[in-house]
Amino acid sequence: MEKHVFTIPNISCGHCVMTIKNELTEMKGVVSVEGDPAAKQVTVEWNAPTTRDAIEALLKEVNYPAA
Protein backbone atom coordinates (compact mmCIF):
# COMPACT_ATOMS: atom_id res chain seq x y z
CA MET A 1 0.00 0.00 0.00
CA GLU A 2 1.16 3.50 -0.81
CA LYS A 3 0.29 6.69 1.01
CA HIS A 4 0.88 10.32 0.08
CA VAL A 5 -0.18 13.73 1.34
CA PHE A 6 -1.17 15.97 -1.57
CA THR A 7 -1.17 19.74 -1.09
CA ILE A 8 -4.08 21.25 -3.02
CA PRO A 9 -4.16 25.07 -2.98
CA ASN A 10 -7.74 25.22 -4.39
CA ILE A 11 -9.26 23.66 -1.24
CA SER A 12 -11.27 26.29 0.60
CA CYS A 13 -13.81 24.29 2.64
CA GLY A 14 -15.11 20.91 3.69
CA HIS A 15 -17.23 20.71 0.55
CA CYS A 16 -14.05 20.82 -1.54
CA VAL A 17 -12.65 17.92 0.47
CA MET A 18 -15.88 15.92 0.01
CA THR A 19 -15.79 16.50 -3.75
CA ILE A 20 -12.20 15.25 -3.91
CA LYS A 21 -13.01 12.30 -1.66
CA ASN A 22 -16.01 11.30 -3.78
CA GLU A 23 -13.99 11.45 -7.00
CA LEU A 24 -10.92 9.62 -5.69
CA THR A 25 -12.83 6.82 -3.95
CA GLU A 26 -14.26 5.85 -7.35
CA MET A 27 -10.75 4.95 -8.53
CA LYS A 28 -9.99 1.25 -8.38
CA GLY A 29 -7.35 0.67 -5.71
CA VAL A 30 -7.96 3.78 -3.59
CA VAL A 31 -8.35 2.63 0.02
CA SER A 32 -8.87 5.88 1.91
CA VAL A 33 -9.03 9.64 1.40
CA GLU A 34 -8.84 12.09 4.31
CA GLY A 35 -8.75 15.85 3.90
CA ASP A 36 -7.86 18.89 5.95
CA PRO A 37 -9.31 22.09 4.47
CA ALA A 38 -7.34 24.33 6.84
CA ALA A 39 -4.04 22.79 5.75
CA LYS A 40 -5.22 22.47 2.12
CA GLN A 41 -4.10 18.83 2.13
CA VAL A 42 -5.56 15.47 1.22
CA THR A 43 -4.01 12.18 2.39
CA VAL A 44 -4.62 9.27 0.04
CA GLU A 45 -3.85 5.57 0.59
CA TRP A 46 -3.96 3.24 -2.41
CA ASN A 47 -2.98 -0.10 -3.91
CA ALA A 48 -2.39 -1.14 -7.52
CA PRO A 49 -3.66 -0.54 -10.13
CA THR A 50 -3.92 3.09 -8.96
CA THR A 51 -0.75 5.17 -9.20
CA ARG A 52 0.28 8.54 -7.84
CA ASP A 53 0.31 9.88 -11.41
CA ALA A 54 -3.28 8.69 -11.96
CA ILE A 55 -4.40 10.37 -8.72
CA GLU A 56 -2.70 13.63 -9.70
CA ALA A 57 -4.28 13.45 -13.18
CA LEU A 58 -7.76 13.01 -11.68
CA LEU A 59 -7.21 15.85 -9.21
CA LYS A 60 -6.27 18.12 -12.12
CA GLU A 61 -9.30 16.92 -14.11
CA VAL A 62 -11.71 17.87 -11.30
CA ASN A 63 -10.04 21.31 -10.88
CA TYR A 64 -8.15 20.51 -7.68
CA PRO A 65 -4.60 20.14 -9.01
CA ALA A 66 -1.93 19.12 -6.53
CA ALA A 67 0.86 21.64 -5.97
PDB file of N, CA and C in Angstrom:
ATOM      1  N   MET A   1       0.842  -1.180   0.000  1.00  0.00           N
ATOM      2  CA  MET A   1       0.000   0.000   0.000  1.00  0.00           C
ATOM      3  C   MET A   1       0.883   1.238   0.000  1.00  0.00           C
ATOM      4  N   GLU A   2       0.443   2.231  -0.769  1.00  0.00           N
ATOM      5  CA  GLU A   2       1.157   3.499  -0.810  1.00  0.00           C
ATOM      6  C   GLU A   2       0.305   4.571  -0.154  1.00  0.00           C
ATOM      7  N   LYS A   3       0.983   5.598   0.335  1.00  0.00           N
ATOM      8  CA  LYS A   3       0.293   6.694   1.008  1.00  0.00           C
ATOM      9  C   LYS A   3       1.037   7.976   0.677  1.00  0.00           C
ATOM     10  N   HIS A   4       0.258   9.034   0.383  1.00  0.00           N
ATOM     11  CA  HIS A   4       0.883  10.318   0.076  1.00  0.00           C
ATOM     12  C   HIS A   4      -0.038  11.441   0.526  1.00  0.00           C
ATOM     13  N   VAL A   5       0.569  12.530   0.979  1.00  0.00           N
ATOM     14  CA  VAL A   5      -0.177  13.735   1.341  1.00  0.00           C
ATOM     15  C   VAL A   5      -0.025  14.719   0.175  1.00  0.00           C
ATOM     16  N   PHE A   6      -1.151  15.024  -0.463  1.00  0.00           N
ATOM     17  CA  PHE A   6      -1.168  15.966  -1.573  1.00  0.00           C
ATOM     18  C   PHE A   6      -1.572  17.337  -1.050  1.00  0.00           C
ATOM     19  N   THR A   7      -0.817  18.361  -1.424  1.00  0.00           N
ATOM     20  CA  THR A   7      -1.173  19.739  -1.092  1.00  0.00           C
ATOM     21  C   THR A   7      -1.969  20.278  -2.272  1.00  0.00           C
ATOM     22  N   ILE A   8      -3.176  20.792  -1.971  1.00  0.00           N
ATOM     23  CA  ILE A   8      -4.081  21.251  -3.022  1.00  0.00           C
ATOM     24  C   ILE A   8      -4.526  22.673  -2.690  1.00  0.00           C
ATOM     25  N   PRO A   9      -3.875  23.673  -3.305  1.00  0.00           N
ATOM     26  CA  PRO A   9      -4.161  25.075  -2.981  1.00  0.00           C
ATOM     27  C   PRO A   9      -5.622  25.493  -3.188  1.00  0.00           C
ATOM     28  N   ASN A  10      -6.360  24.830  -4.090  1.00  0.00           N
ATOM     29  CA  ASN A  10      -7.744  25.224  -4.385  1.00  0.00           C
ATOM     30  C   ASN A  10      -8.735  24.822  -3.302  1.00  0.00           C
ATOM     31  N   ILE A  11      -8.335  24.051  -2.306  1.00  0.00           N
ATOM     32  CA  ILE A  11      -9.264  23.659  -1.243  1.00  0.00           C
ATOM     33  C   ILE A  11      -9.571  24.882  -0.387  1.00  0.00           C
ATOM     34  N   SER A  12     -10.883  25.156  -0.231  1.00  0.00           N
ATOM     35  CA  SER A  12     -11.268  26.288   0.603  1.00  0.00           C
ATOM     36  C   SER A  12     -12.244  25.911   1.711  1.00  0.00           C
ATOM     37  N   CYS A  13     -12.808  24.674   1.636  1.00  0.00           N
ATOM     38  CA  CYS A  13     -13.810  24.288   2.640  1.00  0.00           C
ATOM     39  C   CYS A  13     -13.986  22.770   2.673  1.00  0.00           C
ATOM     40  N   GLY A  14     -14.816  22.332   3.579  1.00  0.00           N
ATOM     41  CA  GLY A  14     -15.106  20.907   3.693  1.00  0.00           C
ATOM     42  C   GLY A  14     -15.792  20.337   2.466  1.00  0.00           C
ATOM     43  N   HIS A  15     -16.573  21.174   1.774  1.00  0.00           N
ATOM     44  CA  HIS A  15     -17.232  20.708   0.548  1.00  0.00           C
ATOM     45  C   HIS A  15     -16.200  20.336  -0.509  1.00  0.00           C
ATOM     46  N   CYS A  16     -15.135  21.122  -0.606  1.00  0.00           N
ATOM     47  CA  CYS A  16     -14.047  20.817  -1.538  1.00  0.00           C
ATOM     48  C   CYS A  16     -13.458  19.446  -1.223  1.00  0.00           C
ATOM     49  N   VAL A  17     -13.217  19.197   0.049  1.00  0.00           N
ATOM     50  CA  VAL A  17     -12.650  17.915   0.473  1.00  0.00           C
ATOM     51  C   VAL A  17     -13.602  16.773   0.111  1.00  0.00           C
ATOM     52  N   MET A  18     -14.903  16.970   0.329  1.00  0.00           N
ATOM     53  CA  MET A  18     -15.876  15.917   0.008  1.00  0.00           C
ATOM     54  C   MET A  18     -15.915  15.642  -1.493  1.00  0.00           C
ATOM     55  N   THR A  19     -15.812  16.684  -2.301  1.00  0.00           N
ATOM     56  CA  THR A  19     -15.785  16.505  -3.753  1.00  0.00           C
ATOM     57  C   THR A  19     -14.577  15.666  -4.150  1.00  0.00           C
ATOM     58  N   ILE A  20     -13.425  15.997  -3.611  1.00  0.00           N
ATOM     59  CA  ILE A  20     -12.196  15.252  -3.907  1.00  0.00           C
ATOM     60  C   ILE A  20     -12.336  13.809  -3.429  1.00  0.00           C
ATOM     61  N   LYS A  21     -12.843  13.641  -2.218  1.00  0.00           N
ATOM     62  CA  LYS A  21     -13.012  12.301  -1.655  1.00  0.00           C
ATOM     63  C   LYS A  21     -13.941  11.465  -2.529  1.00  0.00           C
ATOM     64  N   ASN A  22     -15.061  12.034  -2.945  1.00  0.00           N
ATOM     65  CA  ASN A  22     -16.009  11.302  -3.781  1.00  0.00           C
ATOM     66  C   ASN A  22     -15.389  10.889  -5.108  1.00  0.00           C
ATOM     67  N   GLU A  23     -14.622  11.768  -5.719  1.00  0.00           N
ATOM     68  CA  GLU A  23     -13.987  11.455  -7.005  1.00  0.00           C
ATOM     69  C   GLU A  23     -12.908  10.380  -6.846  1.00  0.00           C
ATOM     70  N   LEU A  24     -12.037  10.551  -5.843  1.00  0.00           N
ATOM     71  CA  LEU A  24     -10.922   9.616  -5.689  1.00  0.00           C
ATOM     72  C   LEU A  24     -11.369   8.225  -5.242  1.00  0.00           C
ATOM     73  N   THR A  25     -12.411   8.142  -4.414  1.00  0.00           N
ATOM     74  CA  THR A  25     -12.829   6.815  -3.949  1.00  0.00           C
ATOM     75  C   THR A  25     -13.447   5.984  -5.063  1.00  0.00           C
ATOM     76  N   GLU A  26     -13.769   6.604  -6.195  1.00  0.00           N
ATOM     77  CA  GLU A  26     -14.262   5.846  -7.345  1.00  0.00           C
ATOM     78  C   GLU A  26     -13.132   5.176  -8.115  1.00  0.00           C
ATOM     79  N   MET A  27     -11.894   5.570  -7.841  1.00  0.00           N
ATOM     80  CA  MET A  27     -10.747   4.953  -8.526  1.00  0.00           C
ATOM     81  C   MET A  27     -10.491   3.563  -7.944  1.00  0.00           C
ATOM     82  N   LYS A  28     -10.283   2.607  -8.823  1.00  0.00           N
ATOM     83  CA  LYS A  28      -9.995   1.246  -8.381  1.00  0.00           C
ATOM     84  C   LYS A  28      -8.622   1.229  -7.700  1.00  0.00           C
ATOM     85  N   GLY A  29      -8.598   0.757  -6.452  1.00  0.00           N
ATOM     86  CA  GLY A  29      -7.348   0.671  -5.709  1.00  0.00           C
ATOM     87  C   GLY A  29      -7.230   1.691  -4.590  1.00  0.00           C
ATOM     88  N   VAL A  30      -8.023   2.770  -4.653  1.00  0.00           N
ATOM     89  CA  VAL A  30      -7.963   3.781  -3.589  1.00  0.00           C
ATOM     90  C   VAL A  30      -8.626   3.215  -2.344  1.00  0.00           C
ATOM     91  N   VAL A  31      -7.889   3.218  -1.234  1.00  0.00           N
ATOM     92  CA  VAL A  31      -8.345   2.626   0.019  1.00  0.00           C
ATOM     93  C   VAL A  31      -8.969   3.680   0.933  1.00  0.00           C
ATOM     94  N   SER A  32      -8.321   4.836   1.051  1.00  0.00           N
ATOM     95  CA  SER A  32      -8.873   5.884   1.914  1.00  0.00           C
ATOM     96  C   SER A  32      -8.439   7.258   1.429  1.00  0.00           C
ATOM     97  N   VAL A  33      -9.302   8.239   1.726  1.00  0.00           N
ATOM     98  CA  VAL A  33      -9.031   9.638   1.400  1.00  0.00           C
ATOM     99  C   VAL A  33      -9.468  10.454   2.606  1.00  0.00           C
ATOM    100  N   GLU A  34      -8.541  11.209   3.179  1.00  0.00           N
ATOM    101  CA  GLU A  34      -8.842  12.087   4.311  1.00  0.00           C
ATOM    102  C   GLU A  34      -8.343  13.473   3.959  1.00  0.00           C
ATOM    103  N   GLY A  35      -9.141  14.490   4.256  1.00  0.00           N
ATOM    104  CA  GLY A  35      -8.749  15.846   3.901  1.00  0.00           C
ATOM    105  C   GLY A  35      -8.752  16.795   5.071  1.00  0.00           C
ATOM    106  N   ASP A  36      -7.946  17.830   4.950  1.00  0.00           N
ATOM    107  CA  ASP A  36      -7.865  18.889   5.952  1.00  0.00           C
ATOM    108  C   ASP A  36      -7.959  20.228   5.222  1.00  0.00           C
ATOM    109  N   PRO A  37      -9.171  20.834   5.209  1.00  0.00           N
ATOM    110  CA  PRO A  37      -9.314  22.090   4.467  1.00  0.00           C
ATOM    111  C   PRO A  37      -8.428  23.218   4.990  1.00  0.00           C
ATOM    112  N   ALA A  38      -8.180  23.269   6.275  1.00  0.00           N
ATOM    113  CA  ALA A  38      -7.342  24.332   6.837  1.00  0.00           C
ATOM    114  C   ALA A  38      -5.906  24.232   6.331  1.00  0.00           C
ATOM    115  N   ALA A  39      -5.406  23.001   6.224  1.00  0.00           N
ATOM    116  CA  ALA A  39      -4.035  22.785   5.752  1.00  0.00           C
ATOM    117  C   ALA A  39      -3.963  22.693   4.231  1.00  0.00           C
ATOM    118  N   LYS A  40      -5.137  22.638   3.576  1.00  0.00           N
ATOM    119  CA  LYS A  40      -5.219  22.475   2.118  1.00  0.00           C
ATOM    120  C   LYS A  40      -4.498  21.201   1.678  1.00  0.00           C
ATOM    121  N   GLN A  41      -4.754  20.111   2.418  1.00  0.00           N
ATOM    122  CA  GLN A  41      -4.104  18.833   2.134  1.00  0.00           C
ATOM    123  C   GLN A  41      -5.107  17.692   2.112  1.00  0.00           C
ATOM    124  N   VAL A  42      -4.779  16.694   1.288  1.00  0.00           N
ATOM    125  CA  VAL A  42      -5.556  15.465   1.220  1.00  0.00           C
ATOM    126  C   VAL A  42      -4.569  14.303   1.315  1.00  0.00           C
ATOM    127  N   THR A  43      -4.848  13.373   2.230  1.00  0.00           N
ATOM    128  CA  THR A  43      -4.014  12.183   2.387  1.00  0.00           C
ATOM    129  C   THR A  43      -4.735  11.025   1.717  1.00  0.00           C
ATOM    130  N   VAL A  44      -4.027  10.360   0.804  1.00  0.00           N
ATOM    131  CA  VAL A  44      -4.621   9.267   0.045  1.00  0.00           C
ATOM    132  C   VAL A  44      -3.795   7.999   0.259  1.00  0.00           C
ATOM    133  N   GLU A  45      -4.487   6.881   0.517  1.00  0.00           N
ATOM    134  CA  GLU A  45      -3.854   5.569   0.586  1.00  0.00           C
ATOM    135  C   GLU A  45      -4.410   4.739  -0.559  1.00  0.00           C
ATOM    136  N   TRP A  46      -3.520   4.021  -1.260  1.00  0.00           N
ATOM    137  CA  TRP A  46      -3.963   3.239  -2.408  1.00  0.00           C
ATOM    138  C   TRP A  46      -3.090   2.013  -2.647  1.00  0.00           C
ATOM    139  N   ASN A  47      -3.656   1.103  -3.427  1.00  0.00           N
ATOM    140  CA  ASN A  47      -2.977  -0.100  -3.910  1.00  0.00           C
ATOM    141  C   ASN A  47      -3.045  -0.078  -5.435  1.00  0.00           C
ATOM    142  N   ALA A  48      -2.312  -0.983  -6.067  1.00  0.00           N
ATOM    143  CA  ALA A  48      -2.393  -1.140  -7.521  1.00  0.00           C
ATOM    144  C   ALA A  48      -3.822  -1.528  -7.866  1.00  0.00           C
ATOM    145  N   PRO A  49      -4.351  -1.136  -8.975  1.00  0.00           N
ATOM    146  CA  PRO A  49      -3.660  -0.538 -10.133  1.00  0.00           C
ATOM    147  C   PRO A  49      -3.531   0.980 -10.084  1.00  0.00           C
ATOM    148  N   THR A  50      -4.033   1.637  -9.051  1.00  0.00           N
ATOM    149  CA  THR A  50      -3.916   3.089  -8.962  1.00  0.00           C
ATOM    150  C   THR A  50      -2.459   3.487  -8.770  1.00  0.00           C
ATOM    151  N   THR A  51      -2.100   4.630  -9.347  1.00  0.00           N
ATOM    152  CA  THR A  51      -0.751   5.172  -9.201  1.00  0.00           C
ATOM    153  C   THR A  51      -0.844   6.630  -8.746  1.00  0.00           C
ATOM    154  N   ARG A  52       0.253   7.129  -8.248  1.00  0.00           N
ATOM    155  CA  ARG A  52       0.280   8.542  -7.841  1.00  0.00           C
ATOM    156  C   ARG A  52       0.001   9.447  -9.041  1.00  0.00           C
ATOM    157  N   ASP A  53       0.548   9.087 -10.198  1.00  0.00           N
ATOM    158  CA  ASP A  53       0.312   9.878 -11.407  1.00  0.00           C
ATOM    159  C   ASP A  53      -1.166   9.901 -11.771  1.00  0.00           C
ATOM    160  N   ALA A  54      -1.845   8.764 -11.635  1.00  0.00           N
ATOM    161  CA  ALA A  54      -3.277   8.686 -11.957  1.00  0.00           C
ATOM    162  C   ALA A  54      -4.088   9.548 -10.993  1.00  0.00           C
ATOM    163  N   ILE A  55      -3.709   9.542  -9.720  1.00  0.00           N
ATOM    164  CA  ILE A  55      -4.399  10.366  -8.723  1.00  0.00           C
ATOM    165  C   ILE A  55      -4.201  11.838  -9.055  1.00  0.00           C
ATOM    166  N   GLU A  56      -2.977  12.234  -9.359  1.00  0.00           N
ATOM    167  CA  GLU A  56      -2.699  13.631  -9.695  1.00  0.00           C
ATOM    168  C   GLU A  56      -3.447  14.048 -10.961  1.00  0.00           C
ATOM    169  N   ALA A  57      -3.557  13.145 -11.940  1.00  0.00           N
ATOM    170  CA  ALA A  57      -4.284  13.449 -13.179  1.00  0.00           C
ATOM    171  C   ALA A  57      -5.765  13.671 -12.887  1.00  0.00           C
ATOM    172  N   LEU A  58      -6.350  12.843 -12.023  1.00  0.00           N
ATOM    173  CA  LEU A  58      -7.761  13.005 -11.680  1.00  0.00           C
ATOM    174  C   LEU A  58      -7.988  14.290 -10.892  1.00  0.00           C
ATOM    175  N   LEU A  59      -7.086  14.602  -9.968  1.00  0.00           N
ATOM    176  CA  LEU A  59      -7.209  15.851  -9.212  1.00  0.00           C
ATOM    177  C   LEU A  59      -7.208  17.056 -10.156  1.00  0.00           C
ATOM    178  N   LYS A  60      -6.332  17.031 -11.140  1.00  0.00           N
ATOM    179  CA  LYS A  60      -6.272  18.116 -12.125  1.00  0.00           C
ATOM    180  C   LYS A  60      -7.568  18.165 -12.933  1.00  0.00           C
ATOM    181  N   GLU A  61      -8.071  17.008 -13.316  1.00  0.00           N
ATOM    182  CA  GLU A  61      -9.299  16.915 -14.110  1.00  0.00           C
ATOM    183  C   GLU A  61     -10.507  17.515 -13.394  1.00  0.00           C
ATOM    184  N   VAL A  62     -10.556  17.351 -12.066  1.00  0.00           N
ATOM    185  CA  VAL A  62     -11.708  17.871 -11.298  1.00  0.00           C
ATOM    186  C   VAL A  62     -11.419  19.262 -10.698  1.00  0.00           C
ATOM    187  N   ASN A  63     -10.406  19.927 -11.249  1.00  0.00           N
ATOM    188  CA  ASN A  63     -10.043  21.315 -10.880  1.00  0.00           C
ATOM    189  C   ASN A  63      -9.506  21.475  -9.464  1.00  0.00           C
ATOM    190  N   TYR A  64      -8.867  20.433  -8.958  1.00  0.00           N
ATOM    191  CA  TYR A  64      -8.153  20.514  -7.679  1.00  0.00           C
ATOM    192  C   TYR A  64      -6.740  19.981  -7.873  1.00  0.00           C
ATOM    193  N   PRO A  65      -5.950  20.647  -8.744  1.00  0.00           N
ATOM    194  CA  PRO A  65      -4.598  20.135  -9.008  1.00  0.00           C
ATOM    195  C   PRO A  65      -3.695  20.196  -7.780  1.00  0.00           C
ATOM    196  N   ALA A  66      -2.895  19.162  -7.636  1.00  0.00           N
ATOM    197  CA  ALA A  66      -1.931  19.117  -6.531  1.00  0.00           C
ATOM    198  C   ALA A  66      -0.775  20.060  -6.834  1.00  0.00           C
ATOM    199  N   ALA A  67      -0.257  20.708  -5.796  1.00  0.00           N
ATOM    200  CA  ALA A  67       0.859  21.637  -5.974  1.00  0.00           C
ATOM    201  C   ALA A  67       2.168  20.881  -5.984  1.00  0.00           C
TER     202      ALA A  67
END
